[in-house]
Protein backbone atom coordinates (compact mmCIF):
# COMPACT_ATOMS: atom_id res chain seq x y z
CA UNK A 1 0.00 0.00 0.00
CA UNK A 2 1.30 3.44 -0.85
CA UNK A 3 0.42 6.83 0.55
CA UNK A 4 -2.23 8.93 -1.11
CA UNK A 5 -2.21 11.57 1.67
CA UNK A 6 -0.38 14.70 0.62
CA UNK A 7 1.73 16.39 3.32
CA UNK A 8 0.13 19.50 4.82
CA UNK A 9 1.83 21.57 7.52
CA UNK A 10 0.02 21.24 10.85
CA UNK A 11 -1.93 18.13 9.85
CA UNK A 12 -1.62 14.85 11.79
CA UNK A 13 -0.70 11.54 10.17
CA UNK A 14 0.00 7.95 11.10
CA UNK A 15 2.57 5.73 9.46
CA UNK A 16 0.51 2.57 9.71
CA UNK A 17 3.30 0.14 8.89
CA UNK A 18 5.67 1.58 11.52
CA UNK A 19 2.96 2.66 14.02
CA UNK A 20 4.25 6.26 14.18
CA UNK A 21 2.05 9.29 14.85
CA UNK A 22 3.33 12.68 13.73
CA UNK A 23 2.50 16.13 12.44
CA UNK A 24 4.11 17.86 9.48
CA UNK A 25 6.08 20.92 10.66
CA UNK A 26 7.80 22.00 7.44
CA UNK A 27 7.93 21.22 3.75
CA UNK A 28 11.19 22.10 2.03
CA UNK A 29 10.35 22.07 -1.64
CA UNK A 30 13.88 23.10 -2.68
CA UNK A 31 15.45 20.13 -0.91
CA UNK A 32 12.49 17.81 -1.50
CA UNK A 33 12.06 17.06 2.25
CA UNK A 34 9.06 16.88 4.57
CA UNK A 35 9.97 17.59 8.19
CA UNK A 36 7.79 15.93 10.83
CA UNK A 37 7.52 15.92 14.61
CA UNK A 38 6.53 12.64 16.20
CA UNK A 39 4.15 12.44 19.13
CA UNK A 40 7.08 11.79 21.49
CA UNK A 41 8.72 15.08 20.41
CA UNK A 42 11.43 13.68 18.12
CA UNK A 43 11.98 15.36 14.77
CA UNK A 44 12.28 13.38 11.57
CA UNK A 45 12.00 13.84 7.86
CA UNK A 46 10.85 12.11 4.72
CA UNK A 47 11.86 12.79 1.16
CA UNK A 48 9.00 12.85 -1.34
CA UNK A 49 9.76 9.38 -2.64
CA UNK A 50 9.80 7.77 0.81
CA UNK A 51 6.66 9.70 1.84
CA UNK A 52 4.62 8.39 -1.09
CA UNK A 53 6.06 4.86 -0.82
CA UNK A 54 5.11 4.59 2.89
CA UNK A 55 1.80 3.68 4.51
CA UNK A 56 0.88 7.16 5.77
CA UNK A 57 -2.72 8.24 6.29
CA UNK A 58 -4.52 11.26 7.74
CA UNK A 59 -5.71 11.05 11.36
CA UNK A 60 -7.41 13.36 13.84
CA UNK A 61 -5.11 15.16 16.26
CA UNK A 62 -4.46 12.86 19.23
CA UNK A 63 -5.88 13.88 22.60
CA UNK A 64 -2.38 14.36 23.98
CA UNK A 65 -1.06 16.16 20.88
CA UNK A 66 0.63 18.82 23.02
CA UNK A 67 2.89 16.27 24.77
CA UNK A 68 5.96 17.14 22.64
CA UNK A 69 5.56 20.79 23.57
CA UNK A 70 6.39 20.61 27.28
CA UNK A 71 6.84 24.35 27.66
CA UNK A 72 3.42 25.41 26.37
CA UNK A 73 1.24 27.60 28.53
CA UNK A 74 -2.51 26.83 28.68
CA UNK A 75 -3.19 30.04 26.73
CA UNK A 76 -1.06 28.71 23.85
CA UNK A 77 -3.47 25.81 23.33
CA UNK A 78 -6.46 28.06 22.79
CA UNK A 79 -8.42 26.57 25.70
CA UNK A 80 -8.74 29.70 27.77
CA UNK A 81 -11.38 32.30 27.17
CA UNK A 82 -10.06 35.84 27.43
CA UNK A 83 -13.44 37.08 28.62
CA UNK A 84 -14.06 37.11 32.33
CA UNK A 85 -17.50 35.74 33.07
CA UNK A 86 -18.15 37.16 36.51
CA UNK A 87 -21.66 37.71 37.69
CA UNK A 88 -22.32 41.41 37.24
CA UNK A 89 -23.82 43.42 40.02
CA UNK A 90 -27.50 43.61 39.12
CA UNK A 91 -27.72 47.17 40.48
CA UNK A 92 -25.28 48.28 37.78
CA UNK A 93 -27.37 46.86 34.94
CA UNK A 94 -29.60 49.18 32.98
CA UNK A 95 -31.58 47.11 30.49
CA UNK A 96 -32.98 50.19 28.80
CA UNK A 97 -29.56 50.61 27.14
CA UNK A 98 -30.13 47.33 25.31
CA UNK A 99 -33.61 47.98 23.95
CA UNK A 100 -34.06 49.33 20.45
PDB file of N, CA and C in Angstrom:
ATOM      1  N   UNK A   1       0.839  -1.186   0.000  1.00  0.00           N
ATOM      2  CA  UNK A   1       0.000   0.000   0.000  1.00  0.00           C
ATOM      3  C   UNK A   1       0.882   1.247   0.000  1.00  0.00           C
ATOM      4  N   UNK A   2       0.545   2.197  -0.811  1.00  0.00           N
ATOM      5  CA  UNK A   2       1.301   3.439  -0.854  1.00  0.00           C
ATOM      6  C   UNK A   2       0.435   4.588  -0.354  1.00  0.00           C
ATOM      7  N   UNK A   3       1.098   5.665  -0.002  1.00  0.00           N
ATOM      8  CA  UNK A   3       0.420   6.830   0.554  1.00  0.00           C
ATOM      9  C   UNK A   3      -0.284   7.624  -0.534  1.00  0.00           C
ATOM     10  N   UNK A   4      -1.519   8.009  -0.223  1.00  0.00           N
ATOM     11  CA  UNK A   4      -2.230   8.935  -1.106  1.00  0.00           C
ATOM     12  C   UNK A   4      -2.442  10.271  -0.402  1.00  0.00           C
ATOM     13  N   UNK A   5      -2.046  10.351   0.870  1.00  0.00           N
ATOM     14  CA  UNK A   5      -2.209  11.568   1.666  1.00  0.00           C
ATOM     15  C   UNK A   5      -1.062  12.530   1.377  1.00  0.00           C
ATOM     16  N   UNK A   6      -1.405  13.687   0.859  1.00  0.00           N
ATOM     17  CA  UNK A   6      -0.384  14.696   0.618  1.00  0.00           C
ATOM     18  C   UNK A   6       0.021  15.349   1.936  1.00  0.00           C
ATOM     19  N   UNK A   7       1.290  15.733   2.077  1.00  0.00           N
ATOM     20  CA  UNK A   7       1.728  16.385   3.321  1.00  0.00           C
ATOM     21  C   UNK A   7       1.200  17.817   3.401  1.00  0.00           C
ATOM     22  N   UNK A   8       0.651  18.157   4.568  1.00  0.00           N
ATOM     23  CA  UNK A   8       0.134  19.499   4.825  1.00  0.00           C
ATOM     24  C   UNK A   8       0.659  19.925   6.189  1.00  0.00           C
ATOM     25  N   UNK A   9       1.271  21.088   6.257  1.00  0.00           N
ATOM     26  CA  UNK A   9       1.828  21.573   7.521  1.00  0.00           C
ATOM     27  C   UNK A   9       0.708  21.711   8.545  1.00  0.00           C
ATOM     28  N   UNK A  10       0.967  21.165   9.747  1.00  0.00           N
ATOM     29  CA  UNK A  10       0.015  21.238  10.846  1.00  0.00           C
ATOM     30  C   UNK A  10      -0.981  20.095  10.898  1.00  0.00           C
ATOM     31  N   UNK A  11      -1.001  19.258   9.892  1.00  0.00           N
ATOM     32  CA  UNK A  11      -1.931  18.127   9.847  1.00  0.00           C
ATOM     33  C   UNK A  11      -1.290  16.908  10.495  1.00  0.00           C
ATOM     34  N   UNK A  12      -2.107  16.057  11.114  1.00  0.00           N
ATOM     35  CA  UNK A  12      -1.624  14.849  11.787  1.00  0.00           C
ATOM     36  C   UNK A  12      -1.752  13.634  10.875  1.00  0.00           C
ATOM     37  N   UNK A  13      -0.769  12.742  10.994  1.00  0.00           N
ATOM     38  CA  UNK A  13      -0.703  11.536  10.169  1.00  0.00           C
ATOM     39  C   UNK A  13      -0.274  10.353  11.026  1.00  0.00           C
ATOM     40  N   UNK A  14      -0.508   9.173  10.484  1.00  0.00           N
ATOM     41  CA  UNK A  14      -0.002   7.951  11.105  1.00  0.00           C
ATOM     42  C   UNK A  14       0.640   7.104  10.028  1.00  0.00           C
ATOM     43  N   UNK A  15       1.885   6.703  10.304  1.00  0.00           N
ATOM     44  CA  UNK A  15       2.568   5.734   9.456  1.00  0.00           C
ATOM     45  C   UNK A  15       2.107   4.369   9.956  1.00  0.00           C
ATOM     46  N   UNK A  16       1.178   3.785   9.247  1.00  0.00           N
ATOM     47  CA  UNK A  16       0.510   2.572   9.709  1.00  0.00           C
ATOM     48  C   UNK A  16       1.486   1.404   9.843  1.00  0.00           C
ATOM     49  N   UNK A  17       2.357   1.253   8.873  1.00  0.00           N
ATOM     50  CA  UNK A  17       3.303   0.139   8.893  1.00  0.00           C
ATOM     51  C   UNK A  17       4.248   0.210  10.088  1.00  0.00           C
ATOM     52  N   UNK A  18       4.701   1.415  10.431  1.00  0.00           N
ATOM     53  CA  UNK A  18       5.672   1.583  11.516  1.00  0.00           C
ATOM     54  C   UNK A  18       5.031   2.048  12.824  1.00  0.00           C
ATOM     55  N   UNK A  19       3.707   2.221  12.844  1.00  0.00           N
ATOM     56  CA  UNK A  19       2.961   2.659  14.025  1.00  0.00           C
ATOM     57  C   UNK A  19       3.539   3.950  14.619  1.00  0.00           C
ATOM     58  N   UNK A  20       3.722   4.967  13.760  1.00  0.00           N
ATOM     59  CA  UNK A  20       4.247   6.261  14.179  1.00  0.00           C
ATOM     60  C   UNK A  20       3.208   7.338  13.941  1.00  0.00           C
ATOM     61  N   UNK A  21       2.977   8.172  14.956  1.00  0.00           N
ATOM     62  CA  UNK A  21       2.051   9.292  14.847  1.00  0.00           C
ATOM     63  C   UNK A  21       2.867  10.567  14.812  1.00  0.00           C
ATOM     64  N   UNK A  22       2.534  11.460  13.876  1.00  0.00           N
ATOM     65  CA  UNK A  22       3.327  12.680  13.727  1.00  0.00           C
ATOM     66  C   UNK A  22       2.522  13.774  13.059  1.00  0.00           C
ATOM     67  N   UNK A  23       3.056  14.986  13.148  1.00  0.00           N
ATOM     68  CA  UNK A  23       2.502  16.135  12.441  1.00  0.00           C
ATOM     69  C   UNK A  23       3.579  16.695  11.523  1.00  0.00           C
ATOM     70  N   UNK A  24       3.170  17.241  10.416  1.00  0.00           N
ATOM     71  CA  UNK A  24       4.114  17.864   9.484  1.00  0.00           C
ATOM     72  C   UNK A  24       4.410  19.268   9.999  1.00  0.00           C
ATOM     73  N   UNK A  25       5.697  19.595  10.156  1.00  0.00           N
ATOM     74  CA  UNK A  25       6.079  20.916  10.661  1.00  0.00           C
ATOM     75  C   UNK A  25       6.708  21.793   9.590  1.00  0.00           C
ATOM     76  N   UNK A  26       7.199  21.204   8.512  1.00  0.00           N
ATOM     77  CA  UNK A  26       7.795  22.002   7.437  1.00  0.00           C
ATOM     78  C   UNK A  26       7.862  21.168   6.166  1.00  0.00           C
ATOM     79  N   UNK A  27       7.755  21.861   5.053  1.00  0.00           N
ATOM     80  CA  UNK A  27       7.932  21.223   3.751  1.00  0.00           C
ATOM     81  C   UNK A  27       8.968  22.037   3.007  1.00  0.00           C
ATOM     82  N   UNK A  28      10.107  21.417   2.737  1.00  0.00           N
ATOM     83  CA  UNK A  28      11.194  22.096   2.034  1.00  0.00           C
ATOM     84  C   UNK A  28      11.170  21.656   0.579  1.00  0.00           C
ATOM     85  N   UNK A  29      10.507  22.440  -0.238  1.00  0.00           N
ATOM     86  CA  UNK A  29      10.350  22.069  -1.644  1.00  0.00           C
ATOM     87  C   UNK A  29      11.679  22.105  -2.392  1.00  0.00           C
ATOM     88  N   UNK A  30      12.577  23.018  -1.999  1.00  0.00           N
ATOM     89  CA  UNK A  30      13.877  23.100  -2.681  1.00  0.00           C
ATOM     90  C   UNK A  30      14.701  21.836  -2.468  1.00  0.00           C
ATOM     91  N   UNK A  31      14.660  21.310  -1.242  1.00  0.00           N
ATOM     92  CA  UNK A  31      15.450  20.126  -0.908  1.00  0.00           C
ATOM     93  C   UNK A  31      14.639  18.842  -1.002  1.00  0.00           C
ATOM     94  N   UNK A  32      13.338  18.971  -1.328  1.00  0.00           N
ATOM     95  CA  UNK A  32      12.485  17.807  -1.503  1.00  0.00           C
ATOM     96  C   UNK A  32      12.325  17.015  -0.202  1.00  0.00           C
ATOM     97  N   UNK A  33      12.207  17.725   0.962  1.00  0.00           N
ATOM     98  CA  UNK A  33      12.056  17.058   2.250  1.00  0.00           C
ATOM     99  C   UNK A  33      10.799  17.515   2.968  1.00  0.00           C
ATOM    100  N   UNK A  34      10.220  16.610   3.733  1.00  0.00           N
ATOM    101  CA  UNK A  34       9.059  16.883   4.572  1.00  0.00           C
ATOM    102  C   UNK A  34       9.507  16.641   6.004  1.00  0.00           C
ATOM    103  N   UNK A  35       9.536  17.705   6.800  1.00  0.00           N
ATOM    104  CA  UNK A  35       9.972  17.587   8.190  1.00  0.00           C
ATOM    105  C   UNK A  35       8.763  17.313   9.065  1.00  0.00           C
ATOM    106  N   UNK A  36       8.892  16.334   9.967  1.00  0.00           N
ATOM    107  CA  UNK A  36       7.787  15.934  10.831  1.00  0.00           C
ATOM    108  C   UNK A  36       8.236  15.945  12.288  1.00  0.00           C
ATOM    109  N   UNK A  37       7.255  16.070  13.190  1.00  0.00           N
ATOM    110  CA  UNK A  37       7.522  15.916  14.613  1.00  0.00           C
ATOM    111  C   UNK A  37       6.613  14.814  15.121  1.00  0.00           C
ATOM    112  N   UNK A  38       7.261  13.782  15.691  1.00  0.00           N
ATOM    113  CA  UNK A  38       6.533  12.640  16.202  1.00  0.00           C
ATOM    114  C   UNK A  38       5.873  12.991  17.521  1.00  0.00           C
ATOM    115  N   UNK A  39       4.904  12.201  17.914  1.00  0.00           N
ATOM    116  CA  UNK A  39       4.148  12.444  19.128  1.00  0.00           C
ATOM    117  C   UNK A  39       5.043  12.483  20.366  1.00  0.00           C
ATOM    118  N   UNK A  40       6.175  11.779  20.343  1.00  0.00           N
ATOM    119  CA  UNK A  40       7.083  11.789  21.491  1.00  0.00           C
ATOM    120  C   UNK A  40       8.015  13.000  21.490  1.00  0.00           C
ATOM    121  N   UNK A  41       7.919  13.861  20.471  1.00  0.00           N
ATOM    122  CA  UNK A  41       8.719  15.077  20.408  1.00  0.00           C
ATOM    123  C   UNK A  41       9.903  15.010  19.465  1.00  0.00           C
ATOM    124  N   UNK A  42      10.294  13.815  19.046  1.00  0.00           N
ATOM    125  CA  UNK A  42      11.425  13.679  18.122  1.00  0.00           C
ATOM    126  C   UNK A  42      11.084  14.292  16.769  1.00  0.00           C
ATOM    127  N   UNK A  43      12.110  14.791  16.107  1.00  0.00           N
ATOM    128  CA  UNK A  43      11.983  15.365  14.769  1.00  0.00           C
ATOM    129  C   UNK A  43      12.506  14.363  13.750  1.00  0.00           C
ATOM    130  N   UNK A  44      11.843  14.267  12.641  1.00  0.00           N
ATOM    131  CA  UNK A  44      12.284  13.383  11.572  1.00  0.00           C
ATOM    132  C   UNK A  44      11.968  14.014  10.235  1.00  0.00           C
ATOM    133  N   UNK A  45      12.314  13.322   9.178  1.00  0.00           N
ATOM    134  CA  UNK A  45      11.999  13.841   7.855  1.00  0.00           C
ATOM    135  C   UNK A  45      11.825  12.710   6.867  1.00  0.00           C
ATOM    136  N   UNK A  46      11.070  13.007   5.848  1.00  0.00           N
ATOM    137  CA  UNK A  46      10.853  12.108   4.723  1.00  0.00           C
ATOM    138  C   UNK A  46      11.243  12.862   3.462  1.00  0.00           C
ATOM    139  N   UNK A  47      11.776  12.159   2.478  1.00  0.00           N
ATOM    140  CA  UNK A  47      11.862  12.787   1.161  1.00  0.00           C
ATOM    141  C   UNK A  47      10.563  12.425   0.439  1.00  0.00           C
ATOM    142  N   UNK A  48      10.277  13.086  -0.649  1.00  0.00           N
ATOM    143  CA  UNK A  48       9.000  12.845  -1.337  1.00  0.00           C
ATOM    144  C   UNK A  48       8.821  11.388  -1.734  1.00  0.00           C
ATOM    145  N   UNK A  49       9.875  10.768  -2.202  1.00  0.00           N
ATOM    146  CA  UNK A  49       9.763   9.377  -2.638  1.00  0.00           C
ATOM    147  C   UNK A  49       9.415   8.461  -1.477  1.00  0.00           C
ATOM    148  N   UNK A  50      10.103   8.626  -0.331  1.00  0.00           N
ATOM    149  CA  UNK A  50       9.804   7.766   0.806  1.00  0.00           C
ATOM    150  C   UNK A  50       8.434   8.070   1.404  1.00  0.00           C
ATOM    151  N   UNK A  51       7.994   9.347   1.351  1.00  0.00           N
ATOM    152  CA  UNK A  51       6.662   9.702   1.836  1.00  0.00           C
ATOM    153  C   UNK A  51       5.589   8.930   1.046  1.00  0.00           C
ATOM    154  N   UNK A  52       5.654   8.998  -0.266  1.00  0.00           N
ATOM    155  CA  UNK A  52       4.621   8.390  -1.093  1.00  0.00           C
ATOM    156  C   UNK A  52       4.762   6.877  -1.231  1.00  0.00           C
ATOM    157  N   UNK A  53       5.888   6.308  -0.813  1.00  0.00           N
ATOM    158  CA  UNK A  53       6.056   4.856  -0.815  1.00  0.00           C
ATOM    159  C   UNK A  53       5.799   4.247   0.563  1.00  0.00           C
ATOM    160  N   UNK A  54       5.418   5.063   1.538  1.00  0.00           N
ATOM    161  CA  UNK A  54       5.112   4.589   2.893  1.00  0.00           C
ATOM    162  C   UNK A  54       3.611   4.382   3.040  1.00  0.00           C
ATOM    163  N   UNK A  55       3.218   3.917   4.215  1.00  0.00           N
ATOM    164  CA  UNK A  55       1.803   3.676   4.511  1.00  0.00           C
ATOM    165  C   UNK A  55       1.290   4.773   5.445  1.00  0.00           C
ATOM    166  N   UNK A  56       1.259   6.000   4.965  1.00  0.00           N
ATOM    167  CA  UNK A  56       0.876   7.159   5.768  1.00  0.00           C
ATOM    168  C   UNK A  56      -0.559   7.542   5.430  1.00  0.00           C
ATOM    169  N   UNK A  57      -1.336   7.834   6.495  1.00  0.00           N
ATOM    170  CA  UNK A  57      -2.718   8.239   6.289  1.00  0.00           C
ATOM    171  C   UNK A  57      -3.054   9.370   7.258  1.00  0.00           C
ATOM    172  N   UNK A  58      -4.049  10.178   6.883  1.00  0.00           N
ATOM    173  CA  UNK A  58      -4.519  11.260   7.743  1.00  0.00           C
ATOM    174  C   UNK A  58      -5.153  10.683   9.002  1.00  0.00           C
ATOM    175  N   UNK A  59      -4.996  11.395  10.135  1.00  0.00           N
ATOM    176  CA  UNK A  59      -5.709  11.050  11.363  1.00  0.00           C
ATOM    177  C   UNK A  59      -6.137  12.339  12.044  1.00  0.00           C
ATOM    178  N   UNK A  60      -7.039  12.226  12.998  1.00  0.00           N
ATOM    179  CA  UNK A  60      -7.406  13.356  13.839  1.00  0.00           C
ATOM    180  C   UNK A  60      -6.262  13.612  14.812  1.00  0.00           C
ATOM    181  N   UNK A  61      -6.136  14.838  15.274  1.00  0.00           N
ATOM    182  CA  UNK A  61      -5.106  15.156  16.260  1.00  0.00           C
ATOM    183  C   UNK A  61      -5.334  14.313  17.506  1.00  0.00           C
ATOM    184  N   UNK A  62      -4.292  13.662  18.020  1.00  0.00           N
ATOM    185  CA  UNK A  62      -4.456  12.855  19.229  1.00  0.00           C
ATOM    186  C   UNK A  62      -4.842  13.733  20.420  1.00  0.00           C
ATOM    187  N   UNK A  63      -5.488  13.131  21.421  1.00  0.00           N
ATOM    188  CA  UNK A  63      -5.884  13.880  22.604  1.00  0.00           C
ATOM    189  C   UNK A  63      -4.691  14.532  23.284  1.00  0.00           C
ATOM    190  N   UNK A  64      -3.581  13.839  23.311  1.00  0.00           N
ATOM    191  CA  UNK A  64      -2.383  14.356  23.977  1.00  0.00           C
ATOM    192  C   UNK A  64      -1.393  14.952  22.979  1.00  0.00           C
ATOM    193  N   UNK A  65      -1.902  15.622  21.948  1.00  0.00           N
ATOM    194  CA  UNK A  65      -1.059  16.161  20.884  1.00  0.00           C
ATOM    195  C   UNK A  65      -0.046  17.166  21.390  1.00  0.00           C
ATOM    196  N   UNK A  66      -0.288  17.797  22.527  1.00  0.00           N
ATOM    197  CA  UNK A  66       0.634  18.817  23.022  1.00  0.00           C
ATOM    198  C   UNK A  66       1.785  18.221  23.822  1.00  0.00           C
ATOM    199  N   UNK A  67       1.836  16.906  23.987  1.00  0.00           N
ATOM    200  CA  UNK A  67       2.889  16.269  24.771  1.00  0.00           C
ATOM    201  C   UNK A  67       4.303  16.657  24.331  1.00  0.00           C
ATOM    202  N   UNK A  68       4.599  16.761  23.033  1.00  0.00           N
ATOM    203  CA  UNK A  68       5.955  17.139  22.638  1.00  0.00           C
ATOM    204  C   UNK A  68       6.319  18.578  22.991  1.00  0.00           C
ATOM    205  N   UNK A  69       5.329  19.383  23.298  1.00  0.00           N
ATOM    206  CA  UNK A  69       5.558  20.793  23.568  1.00  0.00           C
ATOM    207  C   UNK A  69       5.460  21.047  25.066  1.00  0.00           C
ATOM    208  N   UNK A  70       6.421  20.543  25.821  1.00  0.00           N
ATOM    209  CA  UNK A  70       6.391  20.612  27.280  1.00  0.00           C
ATOM    210  C   UNK A  70       6.270  22.017  27.824  1.00  0.00           C
ATOM    211  N   UNK A  71       6.790  23.000  27.118  1.00  0.00           N
ATOM    212  CA  UNK A  71       6.842  24.349  27.663  1.00  0.00           C
ATOM    213  C   UNK A  71       5.666  25.224  27.236  1.00  0.00           C
ATOM    214  N   UNK A  72       4.582  24.628  26.763  1.00  0.00           N
ATOM    215  CA  UNK A  72       3.418  25.413  26.371  1.00  0.00           C
ATOM    216  C   UNK A  72       2.645  25.879  27.604  1.00  0.00           C
ATOM    217  N   UNK A  73       2.133  27.065  27.513  1.00  0.00           N
ATOM    218  CA  UNK A  73       1.237  27.602  28.530  1.00  0.00           C
ATOM    219  C   UNK A  73      -0.192  27.252  28.111  1.00  0.00           C
ATOM    220  N   UNK A  74      -1.119  27.140  29.060  1.00  0.00           N
ATOM    221  CA  UNK A  74      -2.506  26.826  28.676  1.00  0.00           C
ATOM    222  C   UNK A  74      -3.080  27.790  27.653  1.00  0.00           C
ATOM    223  N   UNK A  75      -2.695  29.065  27.708  1.00  0.00           N
ATOM    224  CA  UNK A  75      -3.194  30.037  26.730  1.00  0.00           C
ATOM    225  C   UNK A  75      -2.746  29.696  25.313  1.00  0.00           C
ATOM    226  N   UNK A  76      -1.580  29.051  25.166  1.00  0.00           N
ATOM    227  CA  UNK A  76      -1.062  28.712  23.847  1.00  0.00           C
ATOM    228  C   UNK A  76      -1.916  27.658  23.144  1.00  0.00           C
ATOM    229  N   UNK A  77      -2.663  26.878  23.913  1.00  0.00           N
ATOM    230  CA  UNK A  77      -3.468  25.814  23.331  1.00  0.00           C
ATOM    231  C   UNK A  77      -4.830  26.304  22.858  1.00  0.00           C
ATOM    232  N   UNK A  78      -5.188  27.518  23.204  1.00  0.00           N
ATOM    233  CA  UNK A  78      -6.463  28.065  22.785  1.00  0.00           C
ATOM    234  C   UNK A  78      -7.627  27.607  23.638  1.00  0.00           C
ATOM    235  N   UNK A  79      -7.359  27.067  24.838  1.00  0.00           N
ATOM    236  CA  UNK A  79      -8.421  26.573  25.699  1.00  0.00           C
ATOM    237  C   UNK A  79      -8.983  27.628  26.627  1.00  0.00           C
ATOM    238  N   UNK A  80      -8.266  28.706  26.825  1.00  0.00           N
ATOM    239  CA  UNK A  80      -8.740  29.702  27.770  1.00  0.00           C
ATOM    240  C   UNK A  80      -9.529  30.767  27.050  1.00  0.00           C
ATOM    241  N   UNK A  81     -10.530  31.256  27.719  1.00  0.00           N
ATOM    242  CA  UNK A  81     -11.384  32.300  27.167  1.00  0.00           C
ATOM    243  C   UNK A  81     -10.915  33.622  27.742  1.00  0.00           C
ATOM    244  N   UNK A  82     -10.575  34.576  26.901  1.00  0.00           N
ATOM    245  CA  UNK A  82     -10.057  35.838  27.429  1.00  0.00           C
ATOM    246  C   UNK A  82     -11.110  36.659  28.157  1.00  0.00           C
ATOM    247  N   UNK A  83     -12.389  36.342  27.941  1.00  0.00           N
ATOM    248  CA  UNK A  83     -13.444  37.078  28.619  1.00  0.00           C
ATOM    249  C   UNK A  83     -13.589  36.568  30.051  1.00  0.00           C
ATOM    250  N   UNK A  84     -13.808  37.482  30.949  1.00  0.00           N
ATOM    251  CA  UNK A  84     -14.063  37.106  32.334  1.00  0.00           C
ATOM    252  C   UNK A  84     -15.569  37.061  32.502  1.00  0.00           C
ATOM    253  N   UNK A  85     -16.063  35.926  32.948  1.00  0.00           N
ATOM    254  CA  UNK A  85     -17.501  35.744  33.068  1.00  0.00           C
ATOM    255  C   UNK A  85     -17.928  35.826  34.525  1.00  0.00           C
ATOM    256  N   UNK A  86     -17.696  36.948  35.152  1.00  0.00           N
ATOM    257  CA  UNK A  86     -18.147  37.162  36.514  1.00  0.00           C
ATOM    258  C   UNK A  86     -19.625  37.518  36.480  1.00  0.00           C
ATOM    259  N   UNK A  87     -20.279  37.276  37.571  1.00  0.00           N
ATOM    260  CA  UNK A  87     -21.664  37.705  37.685  1.00  0.00           C
ATOM    261  C   UNK A  87     -21.678  39.205  37.927  1.00  0.00           C
ATOM    262  N   UNK A  88     -22.301  39.961  37.046  1.00  0.00           N
ATOM    263  CA  UNK A  88     -22.316  41.406  37.241  1.00  0.00           C
ATOM    264  C   UNK A  88     -23.233  41.787  38.403  1.00  0.00           C
ATOM    265  N   UNK A  89     -22.963  42.897  38.963  1.00  0.00           N
ATOM    266  CA  UNK A  89     -23.815  43.424  40.021  1.00  0.00           C
ATOM    267  C   UNK A  89     -25.110  43.905  39.369  1.00  0.00           C
ATOM    268  N   UNK A  90     -26.222  43.300  39.753  1.00  0.00           N
ATOM    269  CA  UNK A  90     -27.504  43.611  39.121  1.00  0.00           C
ATOM    270  C   UNK A  90     -27.885  45.083  39.270  1.00  0.00           C
ATOM    271  N   UNK A  91     -27.399  45.744  40.302  1.00  0.00           N
ATOM    272  CA  UNK A  91     -27.717  47.165  40.482  1.00  0.00           C
ATOM    273  C   UNK A  91     -27.062  48.020  39.402  1.00  0.00           C
ATOM    274  N   UNK A  92     -25.985  47.513  38.806  1.00  0.00           N
ATOM    275  CA  UNK A  92     -25.280  48.276  37.779  1.00  0.00           C
ATOM    276  C   UNK A  92     -25.871  48.078  36.384  1.00  0.00           C
ATOM    277  N   UNK A  93     -26.801  47.139  36.250  1.00  0.00           N
ATOM    278  CA  UNK A  93     -27.372  46.858  34.935  1.00  0.00           C
ATOM    279  C   UNK A  93     -28.521  47.808  34.638  1.00  0.00           C
ATOM    280  N   UNK A  94     -28.504  48.337  33.450  1.00  0.00           N
ATOM    281  CA  UNK A  94     -29.603  49.183  32.981  1.00  0.00           C
ATOM    282  C   UNK A  94     -30.056  48.605  31.647  1.00  0.00           C
ATOM    283  N   UNK A  95     -31.131  47.786  31.685  1.00  0.00           N
ATOM    284  CA  UNK A  95     -31.578  47.109  30.494  1.00  0.00           C
ATOM    285  C   UNK A  95     -32.109  48.049  29.432  1.00  0.00           C
ATOM    286  N   UNK A  96     -32.447  49.257  29.803  1.00  0.00           N
ATOM    287  CA  UNK A  96     -32.979  50.191  28.800  1.00  0.00           C
ATOM    288  C   UNK A  96     -31.913  50.541  27.758  1.00  0.00           C
ATOM    289  N   UNK A  97     -30.640  50.360  28.101  1.00  0.00           N
ATOM    290  CA  UNK A  97     -29.561  50.607  27.138  1.00  0.00           C
ATOM    291  C   UNK A  97     -29.533  49.557  26.035  1.00  0.00           C
ATOM    292  N   UNK A  98     -30.177  48.415  26.271  1.00  0.00           N
ATOM    293  CA  UNK A  98     -30.128  47.326  25.306  1.00  0.00           C
ATOM    294  C   UNK A  98     -31.385  47.193  24.459  1.00  0.00           C
ATOM    295  N   UNK A  99     -32.389  48.002  24.743  1.00  0.00           N
ATOM    296  CA  UNK A  99     -33.613  47.982  23.954  1.00  0.00           C
ATOM    297  C   UNK A  99     -33.475  48.884  22.751  1.00  0.00           C
ATOM    298  N   UNK A 100     -34.082  48.491  21.661  1.00  0.00           N
ATOM    299  CA  UNK A 100     -34.063  49.326  20.452  1.00  0.00           C
ATOM    300  C   UNK A 100     -35.066  50.445  20.548  1.00  0.00           C
TER     301      UNK A 100
END
